[in-house]
Protein backbone atom coordinates (compact mmCIF):
# COMPACT_ATOMS: atom_id res chain seq x y z
CA UNK A 1 37.38 -2.05 59.33
CA UNK A 2 34.80 -1.71 56.49
CA UNK A 3 35.31 -1.56 52.80
CA UNK A 4 33.70 1.78 52.83
CA UNK A 5 35.24 3.21 55.49
CA UNK A 6 38.75 2.23 54.67
CA UNK A 7 38.41 3.44 51.00
CA UNK A 8 37.27 7.41 52.54
CA UNK A 9 33.71 6.86 50.84
CA UNK A 10 31.23 9.09 52.67
CA UNK A 11 28.48 7.30 54.87
CA UNK A 12 24.67 8.62 53.92
CA UNK A 13 24.80 10.61 56.50
CA UNK A 14 27.98 12.30 55.53
CA UNK A 15 26.14 13.27 52.24
CA UNK A 16 23.54 14.98 53.78
CA UNK A 17 25.26 16.54 56.35
CA UNK A 18 27.69 17.71 53.69
CA UNK A 19 24.36 19.03 51.44
CA UNK A 20 22.89 20.95 53.95
CA UNK A 21 26.15 22.84 55.11
CA UNK A 22 26.59 23.49 51.80
CA UNK A 23 22.74 25.06 51.57
CA UNK A 24 23.69 26.75 54.56
CA UNK A 25 26.91 28.47 53.41
CA UNK A 26 25.43 29.08 50.03
CA UNK A 27 22.30 31.43 51.41
CA UNK A 28 24.84 33.34 53.85
CA UNK A 29 26.64 34.10 50.57
CA UNK A 30 23.55 34.85 48.34
CA UNK A 31 21.19 36.69 50.75
CA UNK A 32 21.47 39.81 53.24
CA UNK A 33 19.06 38.99 56.18
CA UNK A 34 18.10 34.99 56.27
CA UNK A 35 16.35 34.10 59.48
CA UNK A 36 16.07 30.49 60.45
CA UNK A 37 12.88 29.08 61.83
CA UNK A 38 13.10 27.92 65.61
CA UNK A 39 10.96 26.14 67.91
CA UNK A 40 12.59 23.72 69.99
CA UNK A 41 11.68 21.04 67.86
CA UNK A 42 13.94 18.21 66.53
CA UNK A 43 14.13 19.19 63.32
CA UNK A 44 15.03 23.10 64.09
CA UNK A 45 17.57 21.98 66.79
CA UNK A 46 18.88 19.55 63.97
CA UNK A 47 19.14 22.71 61.26
CA UNK A 48 20.77 24.46 64.03
CA UNK A 49 23.40 22.15 64.67
CA UNK A 50 24.32 22.09 60.77
CA UNK A 51 24.22 25.79 60.93
CA UNK A 52 26.29 26.05 63.34
CA UNK A 53 28.89 23.40 61.93
CA UNK A 54 28.63 25.39 58.47
CA UNK A 55 30.02 28.56 59.92
CA UNK A 56 32.36 27.16 62.58
CA UNK A 57 34.25 28.88 64.48
CA UNK A 58 32.39 31.51 63.65
CA UNK A 59 28.77 32.51 65.10
CA UNK A 60 26.01 31.64 63.34
CA UNK A 61 25.15 34.58 61.10
CA UNK A 62 21.85 35.10 61.14
CA UNK A 63 19.30 34.84 63.77
CA UNK A 64 16.29 32.96 64.66
CA UNK A 65 12.56 33.17 64.55
CA UNK A 66 9.68 31.44 66.33
CA UNK A 67 5.88 31.66 65.95
CA UNK A 68 4.30 30.64 69.25
CA UNK A 69 1.02 29.89 69.38
CA UNK A 70 0.67 30.29 72.92
CA UNK A 71 -0.34 26.09 73.13
CA UNK A 72 3.34 24.70 72.96
CA UNK A 73 4.89 22.20 74.95
CA UNK A 74 6.46 23.72 78.28
CA UNK A 75 9.24 21.20 77.92
CA UNK A 76 9.70 22.21 74.28
CA UNK A 77 9.70 26.45 74.97
CA UNK A 78 12.32 25.11 77.87
CA UNK A 79 14.70 23.48 75.47
CA UNK A 80 14.45 26.29 73.06
CA UNK A 81 14.70 28.94 75.26
CA UNK A 82 18.31 27.08 76.73
CA UNK A 83 19.53 26.45 73.50
CA UNK A 84 19.39 29.98 72.76
CA UNK A 85 21.34 31.03 75.56
CA UNK A 86 24.16 28.69 75.05
CA UNK A 87 25.17 29.70 72.25
CA UNK A 88 24.49 33.42 72.51
CA UNK A 89 21.75 33.30 69.57
CA UNK A 90 18.66 36.31 68.62
CA UNK A 91 15.38 34.55 69.04
CA UNK A 92 12.64 36.60 67.55
CA UNK A 93 9.11 35.29 68.65
CA UNK A 94 6.04 36.29 67.16
CA UNK A 95 2.91 35.64 69.31
CA UNK A 96 -0.06 34.44 67.69
CA UNK A 97 -1.81 35.31 71.16
CA UNK A 98 -0.63 38.83 70.50
CA UNK A 99 -2.79 38.95 67.58
CA UNK A 100 -5.99 37.61 69.21
CA UNK A 101 -5.65 39.85 71.88
CA UNK A 102 -5.70 43.13 69.74
CA UNK A 103 -8.53 41.16 67.43
CA UNK A 104 -6.51 40.54 64.79
CA UNK A 105 -7.13 37.27 64.91
CA UNK A 106 -9.89 34.73 66.58
CA UNK A 107 -9.89 31.45 68.14
CA UNK A 108 -10.92 28.65 66.16
CA UNK A 109 -13.92 26.36 67.18
CA UNK A 110 -11.67 23.49 67.09
CA UNK A 111 -8.85 25.07 69.50
CA UNK A 112 -5.89 24.23 67.25
CA UNK A 113 -3.89 27.64 66.71
CA UNK A 114 -1.41 25.67 63.81
CA UNK A 115 -3.62 27.67 60.93
CA UNK A 116 -3.07 31.13 62.52
CA UNK A 117 0.45 31.10 62.57
CA UNK A 118 0.40 32.40 59.30
CA UNK A 119 -0.02 36.06 59.50
CA UNK A 120 2.16 36.68 62.25
CA UNK A 121 5.40 35.06 60.31
CA UNK A 122 4.42 36.49 56.95
CA UNK A 123 4.15 40.28 59.26
CA UNK A 124 7.51 39.23 61.03
CA UNK A 125 9.00 38.36 57.74
CA UNK A 126 8.40 41.91 55.93
CA UNK A 127 8.70 44.01 58.92
CA UNK A 128 12.43 42.53 59.87
CA UNK A 129 12.85 41.96 56.44
CA UNK A 130 13.99 38.67 56.01
CA UNK A 131 15.08 37.34 52.29
CA UNK A 132 15.78 33.91 52.87
CA UNK A 133 14.00 32.02 55.54
CA UNK A 134 15.06 28.65 56.95
CA UNK A 135 12.59 25.73 57.73
CA UNK A 136 12.39 22.06 58.85
CA UNK A 137 10.55 20.94 56.30
CA UNK A 138 11.45 17.16 54.56
CA UNK A 139 9.84 15.98 51.83
CA UNK A 140 9.35 12.54 53.24
CA UNK A 141 6.75 14.01 55.89
CA UNK A 142 3.99 14.91 53.82
CA UNK A 143 2.81 14.99 49.64
CA UNK A 144 2.29 18.58 49.89
CA UNK A 145 6.22 19.27 51.22
CA UNK A 146 7.28 16.15 48.38
CA UNK A 147 7.01 18.83 45.53
CA UNK A 148 8.79 21.19 47.77
CA UNK A 149 12.26 22.72 46.27
CA UNK A 150 15.25 23.55 48.48
CA UNK A 151 14.74 27.03 47.56
CA UNK A 152 11.21 28.15 47.25
CA UNK A 153 10.33 31.47 46.06
CA UNK A 154 8.02 33.07 47.90
CA UNK A 155 6.04 36.31 46.39
CA UNK A 156 5.65 39.71 48.40
CA UNK A 157 2.72 38.26 50.62
CA UNK A 158 4.76 35.22 50.95
CA UNK A 159 2.71 33.13 49.03
CA UNK A 160 4.30 30.13 46.86
CA UNK A 161 2.90 29.49 43.28
CA UNK A 162 4.45 25.80 42.03
CA UNK A 163 4.24 27.60 38.41
CA UNK A 164 7.28 30.11 39.47
CA UNK A 165 9.53 27.34 41.14
CA UNK A 166 12.70 26.84 39.50
CA UNK A 167 14.95 23.67 38.54
CA UNK A 168 17.49 22.56 40.79
CA UNK A 169 20.13 20.70 38.53
CA UNK A 170 23.53 19.37 40.15
CA UNK A 171 22.64 21.35 43.34
CA UNK A 172 22.65 24.74 41.46
CA UNK A 173 20.17 26.88 43.91
CA UNK A 174 18.65 30.28 41.81
CA UNK A 175 18.27 32.44 44.87
CA UNK A 176 17.41 35.55 42.58
CA UNK A 177 14.14 37.70 43.85
CA UNK A 178 12.73 41.22 43.15
CA UNK A 179 11.98 43.48 46.37
CA UNK A 180 9.39 42.27 48.82
CA UNK A 181 9.87 38.66 47.66
CA UNK A 182 12.02 36.12 49.81
CA UNK A 183 13.14 32.54 49.56
CA UNK A 184 12.08 29.39 51.80
CA UNK A 185 14.59 27.56 52.32
CA UNK A 186 15.20 23.87 53.27
CA UNK A 187 18.14 21.78 54.25
CA UNK A 188 16.55 19.13 55.33
CA UNK A 189 14.89 18.28 52.63
CA UNK A 190 16.60 15.29 51.27
CA UNK A 191 16.63 13.49 54.89
CA UNK A 192 13.90 10.96 56.00
CA UNK A 193 12.75 11.00 59.45
CA UNK A 194 15.14 7.77 60.53
CA UNK A 195 17.79 10.16 58.84
CA UNK A 196 17.40 12.70 61.34
CA UNK A 197 17.31 10.24 64.28
CA UNK A 198 20.47 8.59 63.08
CA UNK A 199 21.97 11.63 62.97
CA UNK A 200 20.96 13.22 66.01
CA UNK A 201 22.23 9.68 68.11
CA UNK A 202 25.43 10.14 65.98
CA UNK A 203 26.04 13.96 66.83
CA UNK A 204 24.71 13.27 70.27
CA UNK A 205 22.06 16.27 70.04
CA UNK A 206 19.78 16.92 72.94
CA UNK A 207 16.33 16.84 72.61
CA UNK A 208 13.43 17.67 74.79
CA UNK A 209 12.42 15.03 76.97
CA UNK A 210 9.20 14.83 74.92
CA UNK A 211 10.45 12.91 71.91
CA UNK A 212 11.09 9.82 74.66
CA UNK A 213 9.03 7.46 76.09
CA UNK A 214 7.20 9.02 79.40
CA UNK A 215 3.89 8.89 81.62
CA UNK A 216 1.30 11.31 80.31
CA UNK A 217 -2.40 12.13 81.32
CA UNK A 218 -3.15 11.95 77.70
CA UNK A 219 -6.90 11.45 76.14
CA UNK A 220 -8.33 10.28 73.11
CA UNK A 221 -9.62 12.10 70.03
CA UNK A 222 -9.97 11.07 66.38
CA UNK A 223 -7.88 8.67 66.99
CA UNK A 224 -5.01 10.49 68.66
CA UNK A 225 -3.48 11.23 72.16
CA UNK A 226 -3.96 14.82 73.17
CA UNK A 227 -2.58 16.35 75.67
CA UNK A 228 -4.87 18.22 77.80
CA UNK A 229 -4.52 22.03 78.11
CA UNK A 230 -6.48 25.33 78.37
CA UNK A 231 -6.96 25.19 74.46
CA UNK A 232 -9.87 22.74 74.50
CA UNK A 233 -9.26 19.59 75.59
CA UNK A 234 -10.86 17.26 77.13
CA UNK A 235 -14.48 17.65 76.33
CA UNK A 236 -17.04 15.71 78.04
CA UNK A 237 -16.53 12.00 77.06
CA UNK A 238 -12.92 12.14 76.72
CA UNK A 239 -11.46 10.88 79.72
CA UNK A 240 -7.61 11.33 80.63
CA UNK A 241 -5.82 8.59 81.38
CA UNK A 242 -2.07 7.98 82.08
CA UNK A 243 0.05 6.05 79.66
CA UNK A 244 3.32 5.31 78.49
CA UNK A 245 3.68 7.94 75.20
CA UNK A 246 6.23 10.47 73.05
CA UNK A 247 5.93 12.56 70.70
CA UNK A 248 7.27 11.84 67.07
CA UNK A 249 7.14 15.26 65.97
CA UNK A 250 6.18 18.81 67.81
CA UNK A 251 3.51 21.52 67.23
CA UNK A 252 0.93 23.11 68.77
CA UNK A 253 -0.96 20.90 72.04
CA UNK A 254 -4.32 21.08 70.46
CA UNK A 255 -2.97 19.10 67.06
CA UNK A 256 0.11 17.20 68.07
CA UNK A 257 -0.59 13.46 69.25
CA UNK A 258 1.64 11.55 71.35
CA UNK A 259 2.11 7.69 70.36
CA UNK A 260 2.21 4.87 72.73
CA UNK A 261 6.02 3.88 72.85
CA UNK A 262 8.07 2.28 75.33
CA UNK A 263 11.52 3.76 73.72
CA UNK A 264 13.47 6.13 76.24
CA UNK A 265 16.74 5.98 74.53
CA UNK A 266 17.93 7.10 70.92
CA UNK A 267 18.61 3.21 70.09
CA UNK A 268 14.95 2.30 70.70
CA UNK A 269 13.38 5.54 68.94
CA UNK A 270 15.70 4.97 65.72
CA UNK A 271 14.43 0.99 66.14
CA UNK A 272 10.78 2.04 66.63
CA UNK A 273 11.06 4.28 63.55
CA UNK A 274 12.65 1.72 61.56
CA UNK A 275 9.74 -0.03 61.94
CA UNK A 276 6.84 2.55 61.41
CA UNK A 277 4.95 2.40 58.18
CA UNK A 278 3.48 5.75 58.75
CA UNK A 279 5.18 9.28 58.21
CA UNK A 280 5.41 11.34 61.80
CA UNK A 281 3.06 14.00 60.34
CA UNK A 282 0.56 10.87 58.88
CA UNK A 283 0.39 9.16 62.15
CA UNK A 284 0.29 12.32 64.59
CA UNK A 285 -0.52 15.65 63.38
CA UNK A 286 -4.51 16.63 62.90
CA UNK A 287 -3.60 19.74 61.06
CA UNK A 288 -2.29 18.05 58.29
CA UNK A 289 -5.49 15.93 58.06
CA UNK A 290 -8.03 19.14 58.10
CA UNK A 291 -8.46 18.05 54.22
CA UNK A 292 -6.70 16.55 51.73
CA UNK A 293 -4.85 19.55 50.31
CA UNK A 294 -4.26 21.29 53.87
CA UNK A 295 -0.35 21.23 53.98
CA UNK A 296 -0.77 22.81 50.12
CA UNK A 297 -3.36 25.26 51.19
CA UNK A 298 -1.37 26.71 53.98
CA UNK A 299 1.89 26.86 51.21
CA UNK A 300 -0.25 29.11 49.16
CA UNK A 301 -1.63 31.27 52.15
CA UNK A 302 2.16 31.36 53.04
CA UNK A 303 3.34 29.68 56.11
CA UNK A 304 4.80 26.86 55.32
């Protein structure tokens, strides 16, 4: 037995878990209508796992919300629905396709719908009067996320103003907000991608198969391996090919790239991430590469 274990010291994963559980309980006690953003991706699955722990043996005291672009990976949506059914949860779905069909939103020339998620999300938040929205953002992912508070105040238009963010000393969170405003809450703020995978392995949390190496037909665009689909790929000159790949992060099929990988198990994924020098979003998310301030712009508009 190690010295830390024999002395009862917490591991770094125990500390991160304890912090996240505290945040979930703090929100449940302070807000009237929280909701958890849940796509079926690994970070939202991890958040739900922590929420289940935070309130066990009672049920999770808030619903889930997914903004469905219509270009999501089928494997991820299937896993999302299995998890919701397994735990008897309520899932709200805001559909980007519905907004396009009504003429409220228009398709982008590049086919990606990730930037179109803002309006469906913000309107659903207002319609359901959600006053706290749990998101899976982590500070290690991207520089705009690195400056985010755990409790991020949003105005009545769901917009983010860095000048209105509050200090969070000694894990004291200020959820005060005016009518119509709400707070975005990020329980995984201090986790890294490696922490996420180590915790998933420790807790034996089931994930969509897309996160592990598999043979898939992909094509190359802007240095990323993308999956073909109705969203607009491949184009002329983009030749599909079968490759052994996996996904480090999952979003809209049009802007989420796969990486070449032989990592078929949790242990192999952890070893691969430990050796990587690129963040998951930096390596595989085209929507973050549209400009130097792409994520910052989306935060100000109300999405992230």
